[in-house]
């Protein structure tokens, strides 16, 4: 399997992207195409003693920055590492694409360069988030489309179910509709219509779910529009960060705390690992006709390696084929 990597995208590019790609190549037996400024990639590898033997490099002199407009990937910066990499994907030069770069540009490029699955109205950004029961759930959409019609939310449910079953190996994944209350009649007219569509769909729909229940693992796929989803994502990440910070402060501020930390260290490390986003790597852009994966912008080598692992599972799970069947 050949994975196309945007070597210049992300806060820690290119060194951490190259390291993660090489680790994935060795551990998961995948071939890597690094796309970016060839001179910079080779100089970075030499400086950090990284062996690029067996890695293909495709030169792309430009870079899409985090503050660039999402449409830059189409016309303003066609020679950027992201645009060139997505074009390679569209030409079947590789099986999948991974980038830690500009989220908006990845969504636009994935939709208009890699194209959509036939029948999908709009692809969605679908991060995987951990919950307190030791598992995880998919949030779809988390920001690609701020507004979504009921038919789009139904498609999110179908796509999320396929991904969680084929990639995350969750049997008969539970799908919940993010809403202001659990009762069927709650929410806007659009949400009530969505509820009716999800009830009739061939999925394990459990009804409406509230934000407070998500950390308890109430469902495996949370369906919502991008505005609500992005609020959930940012609140979830911010709360987890704050809690971890308070725990660290509690166990390090005095001798009593340090003594207590020593007694519960193994359990503490297990909990931290369960809530470490590096274990999940990032999120697929669900609905594109070819696998497009967005790694965390702050990704280091471990995170990026795990993003490639999930991308490999995405390809091997034939998720796109399963989505196509479900949409039909």
C-alpha atoms as a PDB file:
ATOM      1  CA  UNK A   1       0.000   0.000   0.000  1.00  0.00           C
ATOM      2  CA  UNK A   2       1.304   3.454  -0.912  1.00  0.00           C
ATOM      3  CA  UNK A   3       0.481   6.424   1.335  1.00  0.00           C
ATOM      4  CA  UNK A   4       0.909   9.972   0.006  1.00  0.00           C
ATOM      5  CA  UNK A   5       2.130  12.334   2.733  1.00  0.00           C
ATOM      6  CA  UNK A   6       2.056  16.135   2.831  1.00  0.00           C
ATOM      7  CA  UNK A   7       5.553  16.537   4.290  1.00  0.00           C
ATOM      8  CA  UNK A   8       5.227  20.304   4.794  1.00  0.00           C
ATOM      9  CA  UNK A   9       1.832  20.494   6.535  1.00  0.00           C
ATOM     10  CA  UNK A  10       1.543  20.986  10.296  1.00  0.00           C
ATOM     11  CA  UNK A  11       3.195  22.881  13.128  1.00  0.00           C
ATOM     12  CA  UNK A  12       6.120  20.450  13.377  1.00  0.00           C
ATOM     13  CA  UNK A  13       6.771  19.843   9.681  1.00  0.00           C
ATOM     14  CA  UNK A  14       8.824  18.565   8.103  1.00  0.00           C
ATOM     15  CA  UNK A  15      10.954  16.775  10.718  1.00  0.00           C
ATOM     16  CA  UNK A  16       8.166  15.159  12.799  1.00  0.00           C
ATOM     17  CA  UNK A  17       6.167  14.301   9.674  1.00  0.00           C
ATOM     18  CA  UNK A  18       9.192  12.571   8.140  1.00  0.00           C
ATOM     19  CA  UNK A  19       9.948  10.706  11.386  1.00  0.00           C
ATOM     20  CA  UNK A  20       6.355   9.533  11.761  1.00  0.00           C
ATOM     21  CA  UNK A  21       6.205   8.462   8.128  1.00  0.00           C
ATOM     22  CA  UNK A  22       9.416   6.440   8.430  1.00  0.00           C
ATOM     23  CA  UNK A  23       8.181   4.824  11.657  1.00  0.00           C
ATOM     24  CA  UNK A  24       4.926   3.878   9.914  1.00  0.00           C
ATOM     25  CA  UNK A  25       6.812   2.543   6.901  1.00  0.00           C
ATOM     26  CA  UNK A  26       8.850   0.230   9.093  1.00  0.00           C
ATOM     27  CA  UNK A  27       6.089  -0.811  11.493  1.00  0.00           C
ATOM     28  CA  UNK A  28       3.073  -1.107   9.201  1.00  0.00           C
ATOM     29  CA  UNK A  29       4.803  -2.193   5.984  1.00  0.00           C
ATOM     30  CA  UNK A  30       3.528   0.676   3.848  1.00  0.00           C
ATOM     31  CA  UNK A  31       5.257   2.605   1.077  1.00  0.00           C
ATOM     32  CA  UNK A  32       5.559   6.368   1.542  1.00  0.00           C
ATOM     33  CA  UNK A  33       5.544   9.253  -0.936  1.00  0.00           C
ATOM     34  CA  UNK A  34       6.742  12.468   0.716  1.00  0.00           C
ATOM     35  CA  UNK A  35       5.458  15.567  -1.081  1.00  0.00           C
ATOM     36  CA  UNK A  36       7.168  18.905  -0.470  1.00  0.00           C
ATOM     37  CA  UNK A  37      10.276  20.936  -1.180  1.00  0.00           C
ATOM     38  CA  UNK A  38      12.784  18.219  -2.064  1.00  0.00           C
ATOM     39  CA  UNK A  39      15.839  20.163  -0.917  1.00  0.00           C
ATOM     40  CA  UNK A  40      14.273  20.928   2.474  1.00  0.00           C
ATOM     41  CA  UNK A  41      13.138  17.324   2.969  1.00  0.00           C
ATOM     42  CA  UNK A  42      16.581  15.907   2.171  1.00  0.00           C
ATOM     43  CA  UNK A  43      18.391  18.501   4.295  1.00  0.00           C
ATOM     44  CA  UNK A  44      16.049  17.801   7.229  1.00  0.00           C
ATOM     45  CA  UNK A  45      16.616  14.054   6.906  1.00  0.00           C
ATOM     46  CA  UNK A  46      20.379  14.486   6.786  1.00  0.00           C
ATOM     47  CA  UNK A  47      20.420  16.845   9.768  1.00  0.00           C
ATOM     48  CA  UNK A  48      18.341  14.427  11.868  1.00  0.00           C
ATOM     49  CA  UNK A  49      20.069  11.263  10.579  1.00  0.00           C
ATOM     50  CA  UNK A  50      16.896   9.892   8.994  1.00  0.00           C
ATOM     51  CA  UNK A  51      17.265   7.241   6.321  1.00  0.00           C
ATOM     52  CA  UNK A  52      15.070   7.982   3.303  1.00  0.00           C
ATOM     53  CA  UNK A  53      16.011   4.787   1.469  1.00  0.00           C
ATOM     54  CA  UNK A  54      12.958   3.402  -0.293  1.00  0.00           C
ATOM     55  CA  UNK A  55      10.962   6.620   0.200  1.00  0.00           C
ATOM     56  CA  UNK A  56       9.781   8.460  -2.903  1.00  0.00           C
ATOM     57  CA  UNK A  57       9.960  12.251  -2.866  1.00  0.00           C
ATOM     58  CA  UNK A  58       7.773  14.392  -5.126  1.00  0.00           C
ATOM     59  CA  UNK A  59       8.861  18.016  -5.329  1.00  0.00           C
ATOM     60  CA  UNK A  60       6.346  20.752  -4.461  1.00  0.00           C
ATOM     61  CA  UNK A  61       7.915  24.177  -3.828  1.00  0.00           C
ATOM     62  CA  UNK A  62       4.999  25.909  -2.090  1.00  0.00           C
ATOM     63  CA  UNK A  63       3.224  25.428   1.257  1.00  0.00           C
ATOM     64  CA  UNK A  64      -0.326  26.181   2.424  1.00  0.00           C
ATOM     65  CA  UNK A  65      -0.031  27.966   5.771  1.00  0.00           C
ATOM     66  CA  UNK A  66      -2.482  27.570   8.640  1.00  0.00           C
ATOM     67  CA  UNK A  67      -3.870  31.066   8.044  1.00  0.00           C
ATOM     68  CA  UNK A  68      -4.300  30.650   4.277  1.00  0.00           C
ATOM     69  CA  UNK A  69      -7.792  30.627   2.814  1.00  0.00           C
ATOM     70  CA  UNK A  70      -9.203  27.118   2.378  1.00  0.00           C
ATOM     71  CA  UNK A  71      -9.578  27.666  -1.370  1.00  0.00           C
ATOM     72  CA  UNK A  72      -5.836  28.303  -1.711  1.00  0.00           C
ATOM     73  CA  UNK A  73      -5.390  24.617  -2.445  1.00  0.00           C
ATOM     74  CA  UNK A  74      -7.280  25.058  -5.726  1.00  0.00           C
ATOM     75  CA  UNK A  75      -5.956  28.172  -7.499  1.00  0.00           C
ATOM     76  CA  UNK A  76      -3.691  30.373  -5.373  1.00  0.00           C
ATOM     77  CA  UNK A  77      -1.231  27.630  -4.443  1.00  0.00           C
ATOM     78  CA  UNK A  78      -1.505  24.785  -6.991  1.00  0.00           C
ATOM     79  CA  UNK A  79       2.196  23.968  -6.445  1.00  0.00           C
ATOM     80  CA  UNK A  80       1.810  23.544  -2.689  1.00  0.00           C
ATOM     81  CA  UNK A  81       2.642  20.216  -1.074  1.00  0.00           C
ATOM     82  CA  UNK A  82      -1.024  19.625  -0.238  1.00  0.00           C
ATOM     83  CA  UNK A  83      -2.353  20.412  -3.721  1.00  0.00           C
ATOM     84  CA  UNK A  84       0.304  18.308  -5.463  1.00  0.00           C
ATOM     85  CA  UNK A  85      -0.271  15.412  -3.055  1.00  0.00           C
ATOM     86  CA  UNK A  86      -4.051  15.473  -3.594  1.00  0.00           C
ATOM     87  CA  UNK A  87      -3.520  15.551  -7.353  1.00  0.00           C
ATOM     88  CA  UNK A  88      -1.323  12.442  -7.048  1.00  0.00           C
ATOM     89  CA  UNK A  89      -4.146  10.788  -5.110  1.00  0.00           C
ATOM     90  CA  UNK A  90      -6.690  11.718  -7.784  1.00  0.00           C
ATOM     91  CA  UNK A  91      -4.372  10.174 -10.396  1.00  0.00           C
ATOM     92  CA  UNK A  92      -4.188   6.895  -8.427  1.00  0.00           C
ATOM     93  CA  UNK A  93      -0.475   7.349  -7.648  1.00  0.00           C
ATOM     94  CA  UNK A  94      -1.228   6.171  -4.123  1.00  0.00           C
ATOM     95  CA  UNK A  95      -4.057   4.608  -2.115  1.00  0.00           C
ATOM     96  CA  UNK A  96      -4.499   7.379   0.478  1.00  0.00           C
ATOM     97  CA  UNK A  97      -3.417  10.868   1.544  1.00  0.00           C
ATOM     98  CA  UNK A  98      -2.418  12.160   5.005  1.00  0.00           C
ATOM     99  CA  UNK A  99      -1.697  15.742   6.076  1.00  0.00           C
ATOM    100  CA  UNK A 100      -1.373  17.665   9.341  1.00  0.00           C
ATOM    101  CA  UNK A 101      -1.916  20.929   7.486  1.00  0.00           C
ATOM    102  CA  UNK A 102      -4.721  23.471   7.097  1.00  0.00           C
ATOM    103  CA  UNK A 103      -8.025  21.701   7.938  1.00  0.00           C
ATOM    104  CA  UNK A 104     -10.182  23.853   5.680  1.00  0.00           C
ATOM    105  CA  UNK A 105      -7.856  23.386   2.717  1.00  0.00           C
ATOM    106  CA  UNK A 106      -7.837  19.615   3.244  1.00  0.00           C
ATOM    107  CA  UNK A 107     -11.652  19.531   3.258  1.00  0.00           C
ATOM    108  CA  UNK A 108     -11.867  21.682   0.111  1.00  0.00           C
ATOM    109  CA  UNK A 109      -9.082  19.798  -1.664  1.00  0.00           C
ATOM    110  CA  UNK A 110     -10.437  16.421  -0.661  1.00  0.00           C
ATOM    111  CA  UNK A 111     -13.872  17.365  -1.975  1.00  0.00           C
ATOM    112  CA  UNK A 112     -12.868  19.072  -5.230  1.00  0.00           C
ATOM    113  CA  UNK A 113      -9.582  17.378  -6.163  1.00  0.00           C
ATOM    114  CA  UNK A 114     -10.035  13.856  -4.804  1.00  0.00           C
ATOM    115  CA  UNK A 115     -13.820  14.252  -5.421  1.00  0.00           C
ATOM    116  CA  UNK A 116     -16.826  12.975  -3.484  1.00  0.00           C
ATOM    117  CA  UNK A 117     -18.306   9.513  -3.310  1.00  0.00           C
ATOM    118  CA  UNK A 118     -21.220   9.400  -5.746  1.00  0.00           C
ATOM    119  CA  UNK A 119     -24.365  10.420  -3.920  1.00  0.00           C
ATOM    120  CA  UNK A 120     -22.640  12.127  -0.978  1.00  0.00           C
ATOM    121  CA  UNK A 121     -23.837  15.719  -0.701  1.00  0.00           C
ATOM    122  CA  UNK A 122     -20.937  17.093   1.372  1.00  0.00           C
ATOM    123  CA  UNK A 123     -17.995  15.331   3.034  1.00  0.00           C
ATOM    124  CA  UNK A 124     -17.583  15.888   6.776  1.00  0.00           C
ATOM    125  CA  UNK A 125     -14.684  16.216   9.201  1.00  0.00           C
ATOM    126  CA  UNK A 126     -14.811  13.253  11.590  1.00  0.00           C
ATOM    127  CA  UNK A 127     -12.438  13.242  14.603  1.00  0.00           C
ATOM    128  CA  UNK A 128     -12.248  10.330  17.016  1.00  0.00           C
ATOM    129  CA  UNK A 129     -12.565  11.290  20.691  1.00  0.00           C
ATOM    130  CA  UNK A 130     -11.964   9.158  23.811  1.00  0.00           C
ATOM    131  CA  UNK A 131     -14.550   8.639  26.537  1.00  0.00           C
ATOM    132  CA  UNK A 132     -14.397   7.589  30.211  1.00  0.00           C
ATOM    133  CA  UNK A 133     -15.405   3.985  29.514  1.00  0.00           C
ATOM    134  CA  UNK A 134     -12.054   3.309  27.846  1.00  0.00           C
ATOM    135  CA  UNK A 135     -13.326   3.503  24.272  1.00  0.00           C
ATOM    136  CA  UNK A 136     -13.915   6.261  21.748  1.00  0.00           C
ATOM    137  CA  UNK A 137     -16.574   7.828  19.558  1.00  0.00           C
ATOM    138  CA  UNK A 138     -16.663   9.581  16.190  1.00  0.00           C
ATOM    139  CA  UNK A 139     -17.940  13.158  15.948  1.00  0.00           C
ATOM    140  CA  UNK A 140     -19.380  13.932  12.519  1.00  0.00           C
ATOM    141  CA  UNK A 141     -19.391  16.719  11.361  1.00  0.00           C
ATOM    142  CA  UNK A 142     -16.842  18.662  13.425  1.00  0.00           C
ATOM    143  CA  UNK A 143     -16.577  21.780  11.312  1.00  0.00           C
ATOM    144  CA  UNK A 144     -16.516  21.161   7.567  1.00  0.00           C
ATOM    145  CA  UNK A 145     -20.149  22.247   7.024  1.00  0.00           C
ATOM    146  CA  UNK A 146     -21.633  24.721   9.491  1.00  0.00           C
ATOM    147  CA  UNK A 147     -25.166  23.944   8.305  1.00  0.00           C
ATOM    148  CA  UNK A 148     -26.520  20.530   7.371  1.00  0.00           C
ATOM    149  CA  UNK A 149     -29.860  19.369   6.000  1.00  0.00           C
ATOM    150  CA  UNK A 150     -31.473  16.190   7.384  1.00  0.00           C
ATOM    151  CA  UNK A 151     -30.337  14.185   4.335  1.00  0.00           C
ATOM    152  CA  UNK A 152     -26.727  15.202   5.018  1.00  0.00           C
ATOM    153  CA  UNK A 153     -27.002  14.182   8.677  1.00  0.00           C
ATOM    154  CA  UNK A 154     -28.372  10.817   7.580  1.00  0.00           C
ATOM    155  CA  UNK A 155     -25.329  10.380   5.341  1.00  0.00           C
ATOM    156  CA  UNK A 156     -23.038  11.294   8.246  1.00  0.00           C
ATOM    157  CA  UNK A 157     -24.698   8.549  10.290  1.00  0.00           C
ATOM    158  CA  UNK A 158     -24.197   5.975   7.526  1.00  0.00           C
ATOM    159  CA  UNK A 159     -20.561   6.976   6.972  1.00  0.00           C
ATOM    160  CA  UNK A 160     -19.737   7.067  10.670  1.00  0.00           C
ATOM    161  CA  UNK A 161     -21.237   3.627  11.220  1.00  0.00           C
ATOM    162  CA  UNK A 162     -19.172   2.174   8.386  1.00  0.00           C
ATOM    163  CA  UNK A 163     -15.953   3.704   9.701  1.00  0.00           C
ATOM    164  CA  UNK A 164     -16.423   2.660  13.331  1.00  0.00           C
ATOM    165  CA  UNK A 165     -17.220  -0.900  12.312  1.00  0.00           C
ATOM    166  CA  UNK A 166     -14.527  -1.392   9.657  1.00  0.00           C
ATOM    167  CA  UNK A 167     -11.668   0.669  11.115  1.00  0.00           C
ATOM    168  CA  UNK A 168     -12.276   0.873  14.868  1.00  0.00           C
ATOM    169  CA  UNK A 169     -13.797  -2.650  14.973  1.00  0.00           C
ATOM    170  CA  UNK A 170     -16.906  -1.637  16.942  1.00  0.00           C
ATOM    171  CA  UNK A 171     -19.672  -4.198  16.412  1.00  0.00           C
ATOM    172  CA  UNK A 172     -23.045  -2.679  15.473  1.00  0.00           C
ATOM    173  CA  UNK A 173     -21.995   0.895  16.384  1.00  0.00           C
ATOM    174  CA  UNK A 174     -24.546   3.005  18.228  1.00  0.00           C
ATOM    175  CA  UNK A 175     -25.491   6.263  16.501  1.00  0.00           C
ATOM    176  CA  UNK A 176     -26.764   9.276  18.439  1.00  0.00           C
ATOM    177  CA  UNK A 177     -28.119  12.612  17.199  1.00  0.00           C
ATOM    178  CA  UNK A 178     -26.724  15.598  19.139  1.00  0.00           C
ATOM    179  CA  UNK A 179     -29.671  17.558  20.482  1.00  0.00           C
ATOM    180  CA  UNK A 180     -30.873  19.692  23.395  1.00  0.00           C
ATOM    181  CA  UNK A 181     -32.751  16.805  24.993  1.00  0.00           C
ATOM    182  CA  UNK A 182     -33.236  13.063  24.719  1.00  0.00           C
ATOM    183  CA  UNK A 183     -36.932  13.189  23.826  1.00  0.00           C
ATOM    184  CA  UNK A 184     -37.909  12.602  20.192  1.00  0.00           C
ATOM    185  CA  UNK A 185     -39.780  15.894  19.866  1.00  0.00           C
ATOM    186  CA  UNK A 186     -36.838  18.057  21.019  1.00  0.00           C
ATOM    187  CA  UNK A 187     -34.837  20.378  18.776  1.00  0.00           C
ATOM    188  CA  UNK A 188     -35.473  22.278  15.559  1.00  0.00           C
ATOM    189  CA  UNK A 189     -37.685  21.081  12.726  1.00  0.00           C
ATOM    190  CA  UNK A 190     -34.560  19.945  10.880  1.00  0.00           C
ATOM    191  CA  UNK A 191     -33.428  17.849  13.843  1.00  0.00           C
ATOM    192  CA  UNK A 192     -36.887  16.305  14.229  1.00  0.00           C
ATOM    193  CA  UNK A 193     -36.893  15.393  10.522  1.00  0.00           C
ATOM    194  CA  UNK A 194     -33.388  13.964  10.904  1.00  0.00           C
ATOM    195  CA  UNK A 195     -34.590  11.861  13.827  1.00  0.00           C
ATOM    196  CA  UNK A 196     -37.298  10.348  11.606  1.00  0.00           C
ATOM    197  CA  UNK A 197     -34.780   9.557   8.857  1.00  0.00           C
ATOM    198  CA  UNK A 198     -32.335   7.934  11.274  1.00  0.00           C
ATOM    199  CA  UNK A 199     -35.120   5.826  12.793  1.00  0.00           C
ATOM    200  CA  UNK A 200     -35.831   4.307   9.374  1.00  0.00           C
ATOM    201  CA  UNK A 201     -32.187   3.826   8.356  1.00  0.00           C
ATOM    202  CA  UNK A 202     -30.357   0.516   8.532  1.00  0.00           C
ATOM    203  CA  UNK A 203     -28.194   1.603  11.471  1.00  0.00           C
ATOM    204  CA  UNK A 204     -28.210   1.169  15.246  1.00  0.00           C
ATOM    205  CA  UNK A 205     -29.831   4.521  16.036  1.00  0.00           C
ATOM    206  CA  UNK A 206     -30.279   5.089  19.782  1.00  0.00           C
ATOM    207  CA  UNK A 207     -32.000   8.490  19.599  1.00  0.00           C
ATOM    208  CA  UNK A 208     -31.011  11.968  20.729  1.00  0.00           C
ATOM    209  CA  UNK A 209     -27.929  12.444  22.905  1.00  0.00           C
ATOM    210  CA  UNK A 210     -26.917  15.413  25.043  1.00  0.00           C
ATOM    211  CA  UNK A 211     -23.423  16.845  25.341  1.00  0.00           C
ATOM    212  CA  UNK A 212     -23.111  15.900  29.009  1.00  0.00           C
ATOM    213  CA  UNK A 213     -23.537  12.197  28.166  1.00  0.00           C
ATOM    214  CA  UNK A 214     -20.754  11.984  25.561  1.00  0.00           C
ATOM    215  CA  UNK A 215     -17.876  11.468  28.047  1.00  0.00           C
ATOM    216  CA  UNK A 216     -19.731   8.414  29.380  1.00  0.00           C
ATOM    217  CA  UNK A 217     -19.608   6.658  26.001  1.00  0.00           C
ATOM    218  CA  UNK A 218     -23.362   6.793  25.384  1.00  0.00           C
ATOM    219  CA  UNK A 219     -22.820   6.149  21.662  1.00  0.00           C
ATOM    220  CA  UNK A 220     -20.127   5.360  19.080  1.00  0.00           C
ATOM    221  CA  UNK A 221     -21.092   7.957  16.449  1.00  0.00           C
ATOM    222  CA  UNK A 222     -22.375  11.455  17.270  1.00  0.00           C
ATOM    223  CA  UNK A 223     -24.159  13.117  14.344  1.00  0.00           C
ATOM    224  CA  UNK A 224     -24.487  16.898  14.128  1.00  0.00           C
ATOM    225  CA  UNK A 225     -23.868  19.886  11.873  1.00  0.00           C
ATOM    226  CA  UNK A 226     -20.397  21.412  11.760  1.00  0.00           C
ATOM    227  CA  UNK A 227     -21.264  24.371  14.000  1.00  0.00           C
ATOM    228  CA  UNK A 228     -22.464  22.184  16.863  1.00  0.00           C
ATOM    229  CA  UNK A 229     -19.742  19.612  16.208  1.00  0.00           C
ATOM    230  CA  UNK A 230     -16.936  22.153  16.345  1.00  0.00           C
ATOM    231  CA  UNK A 231     -18.258  23.501  19.654  1.00  0.00           C
ATOM    232  CA  UNK A 232     -18.385  19.956  21.053  1.00  0.00           C
ATOM    233  CA  UNK A 233     -14.863  19.221  19.799  1.00  0.00           C
ATOM    234  CA  UNK A 234     -13.272  22.398  21.200  1.00  0.00           C
ATOM    235  CA  UNK A 235     -15.135  22.149  24.523  1.00  0.00           C
ATOM    236  CA  UNK A 236     -14.223  18.478  24.875  1.00  0.00           C
ATOM    237  CA  UNK A 237     -10.544  19.074  24.136  1.00  0.00           C
ATOM    238  CA  UNK A 238     -10.386  22.157  26.373  1.00  0.00           C
ATOM    239  CA  UNK A 239     -12.076  20.406  29.291  1.00  0.00           C
ATOM    240  CA  UNK A 240      -9.787  17.371  29.014  1.00  0.00           C
ATOM    241  CA  UNK A 241      -6.738  19.634  28.927  1.00  0.00           C
ATOM    242  CA  UNK A 242      -7.945  21.586  31.970  1.00  0.00           C
ATOM    243  CA  UNK A 243      -8.654  18.426  33.962  1.00  0.00           C
ATOM    244  CA  UNK A 244      -5.241  16.953  33.141  1.00  0.00           C
ATOM    245  CA  UNK A 245      -3.621  20.238  34.142  1.00  0.00           C
ATOM    246  CA  UNK A 246      -5.409  20.274  37.488  1.00  0.00           C
ATOM    247  CA  UNK A 247      -4.443  16.652  38.165  1.00  0.00           C
ATOM    248  CA  UNK A 248      -0.804  17.449  37.426  1.00  0.00           C
ATOM    249  CA  UNK A 249      -0.960  20.491  39.689  1.00  0.00           C
ATOM    250  CA  UNK A 250      -2.525  18.432  42.486  1.00  0.00           C
ATOM    251  CA  UNK A 251       0.179  15.772  42.393  1.00  0.00           C
ATOM    252  CA  UNK A 252       3.172  18.094  42.037  1.00  0.00           C
ATOM    253  CA  UNK A 253       2.485  21.117  44.259  1.00  0.00           C
ATOM    254  CA  UNK A 254       3.758  19.595  47.534  1.00  0.00           C
ATOM    255  CA  UNK A 255       5.314  16.527  49.166  1.00  0.00           C
ATOM    256  CA  UNK A 256       1.915  15.047  50.065  1.00  0.00           C
ATOM    257  CA  UNK A 257       0.797  15.221  46.444  1.00  0.00           C
ATOM    258  CA  UNK A 258       4.009  13.682  45.169  1.00  0.00           C
ATOM    259  CA  UNK A 259       3.670  10.824  47.671  1.00  0.00           C
ATOM    260  CA  UNK A 260       0.068  10.226  46.564  1.00  0.00           C
ATOM    261  CA  UNK A 261       1.139  10.305  42.915  1.00  0.00           C
ATOM    262  CA  UNK A 262       3.645   7.541  43.569  1.00  0.00           C
ATOM    263  CA  UNK A 263       0.869   5.331  44.956  1.00  0.00           C
ATOM    264  CA  UNK A 264      -1.453   5.759  41.967  1.00  0.00           C
ATOM    265  CA  UNK A 265       1.109   6.316  39.203  1.00  0.00           C
ATOM    266  CA  UNK A 266       0.265   3.209  37.164  1.00  0.00           C
ATOM    267  CA  UNK A 267      -3.467   4.020  37.161  1.00  0.00           C
ATOM    268  CA  UNK A 268      -2.699   7.649  36.397  1.00  0.00           C
ATOM    269  CA  UNK A 269      -0.581   6.742  33.374  1.00  0.00           C
ATOM    270  CA  UNK A 270      -3.340   4.442  32.107  1.00  0.00           C
ATOM    271  CA  UNK A 271      -5.920   7.224  32.372  1.00  0.00           C
ATOM    272  CA  UNK A 272      -3.650   9.734  30.629  1.00  0.00           C
ATOM    273  CA  UNK A 273      -3.057   7.284  27.794  1.00  0.00           C
ATOM    274  CA  UNK A 274      -6.804   6.739  27.355  1.00  0.00           C
ATOM    275  CA  UNK A 275      -7.275  10.487  26.865  1.00  0.00           C
ATOM    276  CA  UNK A 276      -4.182  11.022  24.731  1.00  0.00           C
ATOM    277  CA  UNK A 277      -5.224  12.196  21.257  1.00  0.00           C
ATOM    278  CA  UNK A 278      -1.878  10.943  19.948  1.00  0.00           C
ATOM    279  CA  UNK A 279      -3.292   7.408  20.138  1.00  0.00           C
ATOM    280  CA  UNK A 280      -5.896   8.288  17.480  1.00  0.00           C
ATOM    281  CA  UNK A 281      -3.734  10.497  15.274  1.00  0.00           C
ATOM    282  CA  UNK A 282      -6.444  12.549  13.624  1.00  0.00           C
ATOM    283  CA  UNK A 283      -9.585  12.223  11.556  1.00  0.00           C
ATOM    284  CA  UNK A 284     -10.784  11.123   8.123  1.00  0.00           C
ATOM    285  CA  UNK A 285     -12.613  13.468   5.782  1.00  0.00           C
ATOM    286  CA  UNK A 286     -15.656  11.246   5.394  1.00  0.00           C
ATOM    287  CA  UNK A 287     -17.343  11.211   1.988  1.00  0.00           C
ATOM    288  CA  UNK A 288     -14.371  11.703  -0.338  1.00  0.00           C
ATOM    289  CA  UNK A 289     -14.021   9.124  -3.115  1.00  0.00           C
ATOM    290  CA  UNK A 290     -10.479   8.331  -1.981  1.00  0.00           C
ATOM    291  CA  UNK A 291      -9.106   8.140   1.577  1.00  0.00           C
ATOM    292  CA  UNK A 292      -8.164  11.617   2.844  1.00  0.00           C
ATOM    293  CA  UNK A 293      -6.949  11.831   6.441  1.00  0.00           C
ATOM    294  CA  UNK A 294      -6.326  14.927   8.560  1.00  0.00           C
ATOM    295  CA  UNK A 295      -3.689  14.437  11.262  1.00  0.00           C
ATOM    296  CA  UNK A 296      -3.541  16.792  14.251  1.00  0.00           C
ATOM    297  CA  UNK A 297      -1.951  20.131  13.389  1.00  0.00           C
ATOM    298  CA  UNK A 298       0.446  19.802  16.303  1.00  0.00           C
ATOM    299  CA  UNK A 299       1.276  16.217  15.373  1.00  0.00           C
ATOM    300  CA  UNK A 300       4.656  14.844  16.331  1.00  0.00           C
ATOM    301  CA  UNK A 301       6.123  11.588  15.046  1.00  0.00           C
ATOM    302  CA  UNK A 302       4.010   9.273  17.222  1.00  0.00           C
ATOM    303  CA  UNK A 303       0.775  11.048  16.328  1.00  0.00           C
ATOM    304  CA  UNK A 304       1.535  11.056  12.631  1.00  0.00           C
ATOM    305  CA  UNK A 305       2.527   7.396  12.675  1.00  0.00           C
ATOM    306  CA  UNK A 306      -0.830   6.544  14.249  1.00  0.00           C
ATOM    307  CA  UNK A 307      -2.617   8.673  11.645  1.00  0.00           C
ATOM    308  CA  UNK A 308      -1.007   6.548   8.935  1.00  0.00           C
ATOM    309  CA  UNK A 309      -2.014   3.386  10.812  1.00  0.00           C
ATOM    310  CA  UNK A 310      -5.664   4.477  10.844  1.00  0.00           C
ATOM    311  CA  UNK A 311      -5.413   5.450   7.189  1.00  0.00           C
ATOM    312  CA  UNK A 312      -4.092   1.978   6.351  1.00  0.00           C
ATOM    313  CA  UNK A 313      -6.994   0.413   8.279  1.00  0.00           C
ATOM    314  CA  UNK A 314      -9.382   2.741   6.426  1.00  0.00           C
ATOM    315  CA  UNK A 315      -8.141   1.436   3.066  1.00  0.00           C
ATOM    316  CA  UNK A 316      -8.063  -2.214   4.124  1.00  0.00           C
ATOM    317  CA  UNK A 317     -11.539  -1.950   5.647  1.00  0.00           C
ATOM    318  CA  UNK A 318     -12.983  -0.900   2.257  1.00  0.00           C
ATOM    319  CA  UNK A 319     -14.801   1.900   4.061  1.00  0.00           C
ATOM    320  CA  UNK A 320     -15.433   3.899   0.892  1.00  0.00           C
ATOM    321  CA  UNK A 321     -17.033   0.867  -0.753  1.00  0.00           C
ATOM    322  CA  UNK A 322     -19.198   0.310   2.334  1.00  0.00           C
ATOM    323  CA  UNK A 323     -20.281   3.961   2.299  1.00  0.00           C
ATOM    324  CA  UNK A 324     -21.151   3.751  -1.393  1.00  0.00           C
ATOM    325  CA  UNK A 325     -23.345   0.720  -0.731  1.00  0.00           C
ATOM    326  CA  UNK A 326     -25.053   2.414   2.211  1.00  0.00           C
ATOM    327  CA  UNK A 327     -25.768   5.602   0.247  1.00  0.00           C
ATOM    328  CA  UNK A 328     -27.257   3.603  -2.633  1.00  0.00           C
END
